[in-house]
């Protein structure tokens, strides 16, 4: 949507999503890190389930890092990895 329509997450979703998350940007990498912690916590009780959760968590984290630092940064000149939405 960024290149075809000119939308930007920080600018165009801040007024709707920002208040729901108290101004904190929720990157899918955060959810991935959380899932990797859950996998570590349950690995003794359920190693097979923990392996799948770890895989999904690592994929979400890697996907977010690739998106921001290997795609956006070279194409736009900024990784646009903001921790909070801009104040309006």
PDB file of N, CA and C in Angstrom:
ATOM      1  N   UNK A   1       0.820  -1.188   0.000  1.00  0.00           N
ATOM      2  CA  UNK A   1       0.000   0.000   0.000  1.00  0.00           C
ATOM      3  C   UNK A   1       0.871   1.261   0.000  1.00  0.00           C
ATOM      4  N   UNK A   2       2.077   1.150   0.546  1.00  0.00           N
ATOM      5  CA  UNK A   2       2.948   2.313   0.627  1.00  0.00           C
ATOM      6  C   UNK A   2       3.313   2.841  -0.747  1.00  0.00           C
ATOM      7  N   UNK A   3       3.666   1.954  -1.653  1.00  0.00           N
ATOM      8  CA  UNK A   3       4.161   2.401  -2.943  1.00  0.00           C
ATOM      9  C   UNK A   3       3.043   2.584  -3.967  1.00  0.00           C
ATOM     10  N   UNK A   4       1.977   1.814  -3.875  1.00  0.00           N
ATOM     11  CA  UNK A   4       0.877   1.933  -4.823  1.00  0.00           C
ATOM     12  C   UNK A   4      -0.079   3.061  -4.508  1.00  0.00           C
ATOM     13  N   UNK A   5      -0.403   3.241  -3.233  1.00  0.00           N
ATOM     14  CA  UNK A   5      -1.413   4.220  -2.828  1.00  0.00           C
ATOM     15  C   UNK A   5      -0.796   5.374  -2.037  1.00  0.00           C
ATOM     16  N   UNK A   6       0.408   5.202  -1.532  1.00  0.00           N
ATOM     17  CA  UNK A   6       1.065   6.248  -0.768  1.00  0.00           C
ATOM     18  C   UNK A   6       0.721   6.264   0.709  1.00  0.00           C
ATOM     19  N   UNK A   7       0.201   5.145   1.238  1.00  0.00           N
ATOM     20  CA  UNK A   7      -0.123   5.081   2.662  1.00  0.00           C
ATOM     21  C   UNK A   7       1.134   4.792   3.472  1.00  0.00           C
ATOM     22  N   UNK A   8       1.189   5.345   4.675  1.00  0.00           N
ATOM     23  CA  UNK A   8       2.270   5.070   5.609  1.00  0.00           C
ATOM     24  C   UNK A   8       1.657   4.708   6.951  1.00  0.00           C
ATOM     25  N   UNK A   9       2.127   3.632   7.539  1.00  0.00           N
ATOM     26  CA  UNK A   9       1.552   3.135   8.781  1.00  0.00           C
ATOM     27  C   UNK A   9       1.592   4.180   9.891  1.00  0.00           C
ATOM     28  N   UNK A  10       2.747   4.814  10.087  1.00  0.00           N
ATOM     29  CA  UNK A  10       2.870   5.782  11.182  1.00  0.00           C
ATOM     30  C   UNK A  10       1.908   6.953  11.014  1.00  0.00           C
ATOM     31  N   UNK A  11       1.729   7.396   9.822  1.00  0.00           N
ATOM     32  CA  UNK A  11       0.902   8.565   9.567  1.00  0.00           C
ATOM     33  C   UNK A  11      -0.578   8.208   9.435  1.00  0.00           C
ATOM     34  N   UNK A  12      -0.891   7.162   8.703  1.00  0.00           N
ATOM     35  CA  UNK A  12      -2.275   6.901   8.316  1.00  0.00           C
ATOM     36  C   UNK A  12      -3.066   6.013   9.270  1.00  0.00           C
ATOM     37  N   UNK A  13      -2.403   5.347  10.205  1.00  0.00           N
ATOM     38  CA  UNK A  13      -3.152   4.531  11.168  1.00  0.00           C
ATOM     39  C   UNK A  13      -3.058   5.057  12.590  1.00  0.00           C
ATOM     40  N   UNK A  14      -2.273   6.105  12.793  1.00  0.00           N
ATOM     41  CA  UNK A  14      -2.043   6.624  14.149  1.00  0.00           C
ATOM     42  C   UNK A  14      -3.333   7.048  14.834  1.00  0.00           C
ATOM     43  N   UNK A  15      -4.237   7.700  14.134  1.00  0.00           N
ATOM     44  CA  UNK A  15      -5.445   8.214  14.782  1.00  0.00           C
ATOM     45  C   UNK A  15      -6.428   7.103  15.146  1.00  0.00           C
ATOM     46  N   UNK A  16      -6.373   5.972  14.451  1.00  0.00           N
ATOM     47  CA  UNK A  16      -7.302   4.874  14.726  1.00  0.00           C
ATOM     48  C   UNK A  16      -6.694   3.853  15.679  1.00  0.00           C
ATOM     49  N   UNK A  17      -5.501   3.373  15.368  1.00  0.00           N
ATOM     50  CA  UNK A  17      -4.887   2.300  16.148  1.00  0.00           C
ATOM     51  C   UNK A  17      -4.115   2.834  17.344  1.00  0.00           C
ATOM     52  N   UNK A  18      -3.522   4.007  17.216  1.00  0.00           N
ATOM     53  CA  UNK A  18      -2.733   4.577  18.302  1.00  0.00           C
ATOM     54  C   UNK A  18      -3.437   4.605  19.647  1.00  0.00           C
ATOM     55  N   UNK A  19      -4.664   5.109  19.735  1.00  0.00           N
ATOM     56  CA  UNK A  19      -5.355   5.123  21.028  1.00  0.00           C
ATOM     57  C   UNK A  19      -5.637   3.722  21.577  1.00  0.00           C
ATOM     58  N   UNK A  20      -5.834   2.748  20.711  1.00  0.00           N
ATOM     59  CA  UNK A  20      -6.111   1.382  21.177  1.00  0.00           C
ATOM     60  C   UNK A  20      -4.896   0.723  21.810  1.00  0.00           C
ATOM     61  N   UNK A  21      -3.702   1.168  21.429  1.00  0.00           N
ATOM     62  CA  UNK A  21      -2.470   0.577  21.951  1.00  0.00           C
ATOM     63  C   UNK A  21      -1.714   1.550  22.847  1.00  0.00           C
ATOM     64  N   UNK A  22      -2.401   2.592  23.303  1.00  0.00           N
ATOM     65  CA  UNK A  22      -1.804   3.633  24.150  1.00  0.00           C
ATOM     66  C   UNK A  22      -0.598   4.281  23.472  1.00  0.00           C
ATOM     67  N   UNK A  23      -0.649   4.398  22.166  1.00  0.00           N
ATOM     68  CA  UNK A  23       0.396   5.064  21.407  1.00  0.00           C
ATOM     69  C   UNK A  23       1.596   4.210  21.052  1.00  0.00           C
ATOM     70  N   UNK A  24       1.586   2.956  21.491  1.00  0.00           N
ATOM     71  CA  UNK A  24       2.722   2.064  21.221  1.00  0.00           C
ATOM     72  C   UNK A  24       2.487   1.327  19.913  1.00  0.00           C
ATOM     73  N   UNK A  25       3.480   1.338  19.028  1.00  0.00           N
ATOM     74  CA  UNK A  25       3.382   0.592  17.769  1.00  0.00           C
ATOM     75  C   UNK A  25       3.606  -0.883  18.057  1.00  0.00           C
ATOM     76  N   UNK A  26       2.713  -1.729  17.602  1.00  0.00           N
ATOM     77  CA  UNK A  26       2.841  -3.170  17.799  1.00  0.00           C
ATOM     78  C   UNK A  26       3.368  -3.774  16.503  1.00  0.00           C
ATOM     79  N   UNK A  27       4.653  -4.067  16.479  1.00  0.00           N
ATOM     80  CA  UNK A  27       5.264  -4.727  15.333  1.00  0.00           C
ATOM     81  C   UNK A  27       5.056  -6.234  15.487  1.00  0.00           C
ATOM     82  N   UNK A  28       4.961  -6.953  14.368  1.00  0.00           N
ATOM     83  CA  UNK A  28       4.772  -8.396  14.506  1.00  0.00           C
ATOM     84  C   UNK A  28       6.013  -9.067  15.078  1.00  0.00           C
ATOM     85  N   UNK A  29       7.147  -8.399  15.047  1.00  0.00           N
ATOM     86  CA  UNK A  29       8.352  -8.911  15.692  1.00  0.00           C
ATOM     87  C   UNK A  29       8.198  -9.005  17.200  1.00  0.00           C
ATOM     88  N   UNK A  30       7.425  -8.090  17.812  1.00  0.00           N
ATOM     89  CA  UNK A  30       7.184  -8.150  19.251  1.00  0.00           C
ATOM     90  C   UNK A  30       6.429  -9.430  19.610  1.00  0.00           C
ATOM     91  N   UNK A  31       5.447  -9.760  18.798  1.00  0.00           N
ATOM     92  CA  UNK A  31       4.664 -10.978  19.039  1.00  0.00           C
ATOM     93  C   UNK A  31       5.563 -12.199  18.863  1.00  0.00           C
ATOM     94  N   UNK A  32       6.476 -12.131  17.889  1.00  0.00           N
ATOM     95  CA  UNK A  32       7.425 -13.224  17.687  1.00  0.00           C
ATOM     96  C   UNK A  32       8.322 -13.432  18.891  1.00  0.00           C
ATOM     97  N   UNK A  33       8.826 -12.354  19.469  1.00  0.00           N
ATOM     98  CA  UNK A  33       9.679 -12.462  20.660  1.00  0.00           C
ATOM     99  C   UNK A  33       8.873 -13.042  21.820  1.00  0.00           C
ATOM    100  N   UNK A  34       7.628 -12.613  21.969  1.00  0.00           N
ATOM    101  CA  UNK A  34       6.762 -13.155  23.010  1.00  0.00           C
ATOM    102  C   UNK A  34       6.558 -14.660  22.816  1.00  0.00           C
ATOM    103  N   UNK A  35       6.307 -15.080  21.570  1.00  0.00           N
ATOM    104  CA  UNK A  35       6.123 -16.506  21.293  1.00  0.00           C
ATOM    105  C   UNK A  35       7.388 -17.313  21.589  1.00  0.00           C
ATOM    106  N   UNK A  36       8.554 -16.747  21.299  1.00  0.00           N
ATOM    107  CA  UNK A  36       9.797 -17.462  21.608  1.00  0.00           C
ATOM    108  C   UNK A  36       9.974 -17.628  23.118  1.00  0.00           C
ATOM    109  N   UNK A  37       9.536 -16.634  23.892  1.00  0.00           N
ATOM    110  CA  UNK A  37       9.561 -16.770  25.348  1.00  0.00           C
ATOM    111  C   UNK A  37       8.610 -17.846  25.835  1.00  0.00           C
ATOM    112  N   UNK A  38       7.422 -17.914  25.237  1.00  0.00           N
ATOM    113  CA  UNK A  38       6.461 -18.962  25.587  1.00  0.00           C
ATOM    114  C   UNK A  38       7.046 -20.332  25.264  1.00  0.00           C
ATOM    115  N   UNK A  39       7.706 -20.445  24.123  1.00  0.00           N
ATOM    116  CA  UNK A  39       8.320 -21.720  23.738  1.00  0.00           C
ATOM    117  C   UNK A  39       9.369 -22.148  24.758  1.00  0.00           C
ATOM    118  N   UNK A  40      10.175 -21.222  25.226  1.00  0.00           N
ATOM    119  CA  UNK A  40      11.193 -21.546  26.230  1.00  0.00           C
ATOM    120  C   UNK A  40      10.536 -21.986  27.533  1.00  0.00           C
ATOM    121  N   UNK A  41       9.411 -21.363  27.862  1.00  0.00           N
ATOM    122  CA  UNK A  41       8.725 -21.659  29.111  1.00  0.00           C
ATOM    123  C   UNK A  41       8.087 -23.060  29.103  1.00  0.00           C
ATOM    124  N   UNK A  42       7.575 -23.506  27.951  1.00  0.00           N
ATOM    125  CA  UNK A  42       6.876 -24.802  27.900  1.00  0.00           C
ATOM    126  C   UNK A  42       7.723 -25.932  27.322  1.00  0.00           C
ATOM    127  N   UNK A  43       8.987 -25.682  27.001  1.00  0.00           N
ATOM    128  CA  UNK A  43       9.788 -26.673  26.285  1.00  0.00           C
ATOM    129  C   UNK A  43       9.955 -27.983  27.033  1.00  0.00           C
ATOM    130  N   UNK A  44       9.995 -27.968  28.359  1.00  0.00           N
ATOM    131  CA  UNK A  44      10.175 -29.209  29.118  1.00  0.00           C
ATOM    132  C   UNK A  44       8.889 -30.030  29.115  1.00  0.00           C
ATOM    133  N   UNK A  45       7.749 -29.355  29.277  1.00  0.00           N
ATOM    134  CA  UNK A  45       6.465 -30.055  29.322  1.00  0.00           C
ATOM    135  C   UNK A  45       6.001 -30.558  27.974  1.00  0.00           C
ATOM    136  N   UNK A  46       6.254 -29.778  26.938  1.00  0.00           N
ATOM    137  CA  UNK A  46       5.749 -30.126  25.614  1.00  0.00           C
ATOM    138  C   UNK A  46       6.763 -29.708  24.547  1.00  0.00           C
ATOM    139  N   UNK A  47       7.807 -30.502  24.359  1.00  0.00           N
ATOM    140  CA  UNK A  47       8.884 -30.091  23.448  1.00  0.00           C
ATOM    141  C   UNK A  47       8.440 -29.938  21.989  1.00  0.00           C
ATOM    142  N   UNK A  48       7.531 -30.760  21.548  1.00  0.00           N
ATOM    143  CA  UNK A  48       7.096 -30.662  20.150  1.00  0.00           C
ATOM    144  C   UNK A  48       6.306 -29.375  19.907  1.00  0.00           C
ATOM    145  N   UNK A  49       5.392 -29.073  20.806  1.00  0.00           N
ATOM    146  CA  UNK A  49       4.627 -27.826  20.697  1.00  0.00           C
ATOM    147  C   UNK A  49       5.560 -26.626  20.823  1.00  0.00           C
ATOM    148  N   UNK A  50       6.509 -26.706  21.741  1.00  0.00           N
ATOM    149  CA  UNK A  50       7.468 -25.616  21.925  1.00  0.00           C
ATOM    150  C   UNK A  50       8.277 -25.383  20.655  1.00  0.00           C
ATOM    151  N   UNK A  51       8.636 -26.440  19.961  1.00  0.00           N
ATOM    152  CA  UNK A  51       9.406 -26.293  18.719  1.00  0.00           C
ATOM    153  C   UNK A  51       8.593 -25.548  17.662  1.00  0.00           C
ATOM    154  N   UNK A  52       7.299 -25.853  17.561  1.00  0.00           N
ATOM    155  CA  UNK A  52       6.451 -25.163  16.585  1.00  0.00           C
ATOM    156  C   UNK A  52       6.258 -23.689  16.959  1.00  0.00           C
ATOM    157  N   UNK A  53       6.036 -23.442  18.246  1.00  0.00           N
ATOM    158  CA  UNK A  53       5.864 -22.062  18.692  1.00  0.00           C
ATOM    159  C   UNK A  53       7.149 -21.280  18.472  1.00  0.00           C
ATOM    160  N   UNK A  54       8.286 -21.895  18.745  1.00  0.00           N
ATOM    161  CA  UNK A  54       9.579 -21.253  18.506  1.00  0.00           C
ATOM    162  C   UNK A  54       9.760 -20.928  17.026  1.00  0.00           C
ATOM    163  N   UNK A  55       9.376 -21.847  16.162  1.00  0.00           N
ATOM    164  CA  UNK A  55       9.479 -21.625  14.722  1.00  0.00           C
ATOM    165  C   UNK A  55       8.628 -20.437  14.283  1.00  0.00           C
ATOM    166  N   UNK A  56       7.386 -20.379  14.721  1.00  0.00           N
ATOM    167  CA  UNK A  56       6.509 -19.261  14.368  1.00  0.00           C
ATOM    168  C   UNK A  56       7.035 -17.942  14.940  1.00  0.00           C
ATOM    169  N   UNK A  57       7.502 -17.973  16.164  1.00  0.00           N
ATOM    170  CA  UNK A  57       8.046 -16.769  16.779  1.00  0.00           C
ATOM    171  C   UNK A  57       9.273 -16.258  16.053  1.00  0.00           C
ATOM    172  N   UNK A  58      10.171 -17.166  15.699  1.00  0.00           N
ATOM    173  CA  UNK A  58      11.377 -16.760  14.972  1.00  0.00           C
ATOM    174  C   UNK A  58      11.021 -16.215  13.590  1.00  0.00           C
ATOM    175  N   UNK A  59      10.039 -16.830  12.940  1.00  0.00           N
ATOM    176  CA  UNK A  59       9.628 -16.360  11.611  1.00  0.00           C
ATOM    177  C   UNK A  59       9.016 -14.958  11.685  1.00  0.00           C
ATOM    178  N   UNK A  60       8.177 -14.699  12.680  1.00  0.00           N
ATOM    179  CA  UNK A  60       7.589 -13.366  12.835  1.00  0.00           C
ATOM    180  C   UNK A  60       8.665 -12.314  13.117  1.00  0.00           C
ATOM    181  N   UNK A  61       9.594 -12.659  13.985  1.00  0.00           N
ATOM    182  CA  UNK A  61      10.667 -11.721  14.321  1.00  0.00           C
ATOM    183  C   UNK A  61      11.560 -11.457  13.115  1.00  0.00           C
ATOM    184  N   UNK A  62      11.968 -12.516  12.424  1.00  0.00           N
ATOM    185  CA  UNK A  62      12.825 -12.354  11.246  1.00  0.00           C
ATOM    186  C   UNK A  62      12.096 -11.579  10.149  1.00  0.00           C
ATOM    187  N   UNK A  63      10.820 -11.858   9.950  1.00  0.00           N
ATOM    188  CA  UNK A  63      10.047 -11.163   8.929  1.00  0.00           C
ATOM    189  C   UNK A  63       9.961  -9.668   9.201  1.00  0.00           C
ATOM    190  N   UNK A  64       9.776  -9.302  10.459  1.00  0.00           N
ATOM    191  CA  UNK A  64       9.709  -7.884  10.813  1.00  0.00           C
ATOM    192  C   UNK A  64      11.058  -7.202  10.591  1.00  0.00           C
ATOM    193  N   UNK A  65      12.134  -7.855  11.009  1.00  0.00           N
ATOM    194  CA  UNK A  65      13.470  -7.283  10.812  1.00  0.00           C
ATOM    195  C   UNK A  65      13.809  -7.148   9.329  1.00  0.00           C
ATOM    196  N   UNK A  66      13.479  -8.158   8.543  1.00  0.00           N
ATOM    197  CA  UNK A  66      13.725  -8.097   7.097  1.00  0.00           C
ATOM    198  C   UNK A  66      12.929  -6.955   6.476  1.00  0.00           C
ATOM    199  N   UNK A  67      11.654  -6.848   6.845  1.00  0.00           N
ATOM    200  CA  UNK A  67      10.795  -5.798   6.297  1.00  0.00           C
ATOM    201  C   UNK A  67      11.359  -4.409   6.566  1.00  0.00           C
ATOM    202  N   UNK A  68      11.754  -4.167   7.809  1.00  0.00           N
ATOM    203  CA  UNK A  68      12.205  -2.823   8.167  1.00  0.00           C
ATOM    204  C   UNK A  68      13.628  -2.520   7.701  1.00  0.00           C
ATOM    205  N   UNK A  69      14.545  -3.477   7.843  1.00  0.00           N
ATOM    206  CA  UNK A  69      15.946  -3.157   7.635  1.00  0.00           C
ATOM    207  C   UNK A  69      16.515  -3.606   6.283  1.00  0.00           C
ATOM    208  N   UNK A  70      15.889  -4.560   5.617  1.00  0.00           N
ATOM    209  CA  UNK A  70      16.391  -4.994   4.314  1.00  0.00           C
ATOM    210  C   UNK A  70      15.491  -4.579   3.159  1.00  0.00           C
ATOM    211  N   UNK A  71      14.259  -4.161   3.455  1.00  0.00           N
ATOM    212  CA  UNK A  71      13.351  -3.719   2.399  1.00  0.00           C
ATOM    213  C   UNK A  71      13.108  -2.209   2.499  1.00  0.00           C
ATOM    214  N   UNK A  72      12.518  -1.771   3.618  1.00  0.00           N
ATOM    215  CA  UNK A  72      12.168  -0.349   3.734  1.00  0.00           C
ATOM    216  C   UNK A  72      13.384   0.567   3.730  1.00  0.00           C
ATOM    217  N   UNK A  73      14.418   0.212   4.470  1.00  0.00           N
ATOM    218  CA  UNK A  73      15.565   1.097   4.581  1.00  0.00           C
ATOM    219  C   UNK A  73      16.222   1.373   3.235  1.00  0.00           C
ATOM    220  N   UNK A  74      16.525   0.341   2.421  1.00  0.00           N
ATOM    221  CA  UNK A  74      17.104   0.641   1.109  1.00  0.00           C
ATOM    222  C   UNK A  74      16.140   1.376   0.163  1.00  0.00           C
ATOM    223  N   UNK A  75      14.854   1.066   0.242  1.00  0.00           N
ATOM    224  CA  UNK A  75      13.899   1.664  -0.697  1.00  0.00           C
ATOM    225  C   UNK A  75      13.467   3.080  -0.315  1.00  0.00           C
ATOM    226  N   UNK A  76      13.363   3.358   0.986  1.00  0.00           N
ATOM    227  CA  UNK A  76      12.865   4.666   1.405  1.00  0.00           C
ATOM    228  C   UNK A  76      13.918   5.524   2.088  1.00  0.00           C
ATOM    229  N   UNK A  77      15.052   4.943   2.442  1.00  0.00           N
ATOM    230  CA  UNK A  77      16.092   5.687   3.137  1.00  0.00           C
ATOM    231  C   UNK A  77      15.934   5.706   4.645  1.00  0.00           C
ATOM    232  N   UNK A  78      14.911   5.039   5.156  1.00  0.00           N
ATOM    233  CA  UNK A  78      14.673   4.969   6.600  1.00  0.00           C
ATOM    234  C   UNK A  78      14.053   3.614   6.927  1.00  0.00           C
ATOM    235  N   UNK A  79      14.491   2.972   8.033  1.00  0.00           N
ATOM    236  CA  UNK A  79      13.862   1.703   8.399  1.00  0.00           C
ATOM    237  C   UNK A  79      12.445   1.882   8.928  1.00  0.00           C
ATOM    238  N   UNK A  80      12.095   3.096   9.306  1.00  0.00           N
ATOM    239  CA  UNK A  80      10.762   3.415   9.815  1.00  0.00           C
ATOM    240  C   UNK A  80      10.317   2.464  10.903  1.00  0.00           C
ATOM    241  N   UNK A  81      11.258   2.141  11.781  1.00  0.00           N
ATOM    242  CA  UNK A  81      10.965   1.271  12.921  1.00  0.00           C
ATOM    243  C   UNK A  81      10.707   2.166  14.125  1.00  0.00           C
ATOM    244  N   UNK A  82       9.483   2.624  14.245  1.00  0.00           N
ATOM    245  CA  UNK A  82       9.094   3.536  15.326  1.00  0.00           C
ATOM    246  C   UNK A  82       8.495   2.745  16.466  1.00  0.00           C
ATOM    247  N   UNK A  83       8.862   3.104  17.689  1.00  0.00           N
ATOM    248  CA  UNK A  83       8.323   2.421  18.859  1.00  0.00           C
ATOM    249  C   UNK A  83       6.954   2.973  19.266  1.00  0.00           C
ATOM    250  N   UNK A  84       6.693   4.224  18.899  1.00  0.00           N
ATOM    251  CA  UNK A  84       5.408   4.827  19.229  1.00  0.00           C
ATOM    252  C   UNK A  84       4.856   5.542  18.003  1.00  0.00           C
ATOM    253  N   UNK A  85       3.564   5.805  18.016  1.00  0.00           N
ATOM    254  CA  UNK A  85       2.945   6.591  16.962  1.00  0.00           C
ATOM    255  C   UNK A  85       3.268   8.055  17.201  1.00  0.00           C
ATOM    256  N   UNK A  86       3.369   8.860  16.146  1.00  0.00           N
ATOM    257  CA  UNK A  86       3.636  10.291  16.331  1.00  0.00           C
ATOM    258  C   UNK A  86       2.460  10.962  17.023  1.00  0.00           C
ATOM    259  N   UNK A  87       2.769  11.952  17.831  1.00  0.00           N
ATOM    260  CA  UNK A  87       1.714  12.707  18.532  1.00  0.00           C
ATOM    261  C   UNK A  87       0.999  13.591  17.516  1.00  0.00           C
ATOM    262  N   UNK A  88      -0.325  13.556  17.539  1.00  0.00           N
ATOM    263  CA  UNK A  88      -1.107  14.372  16.603  1.00  0.00           C
ATOM    264  C   UNK A  88      -1.671  15.578  17.281  1.00  0.00           C
TER     265      UNK A  88
END
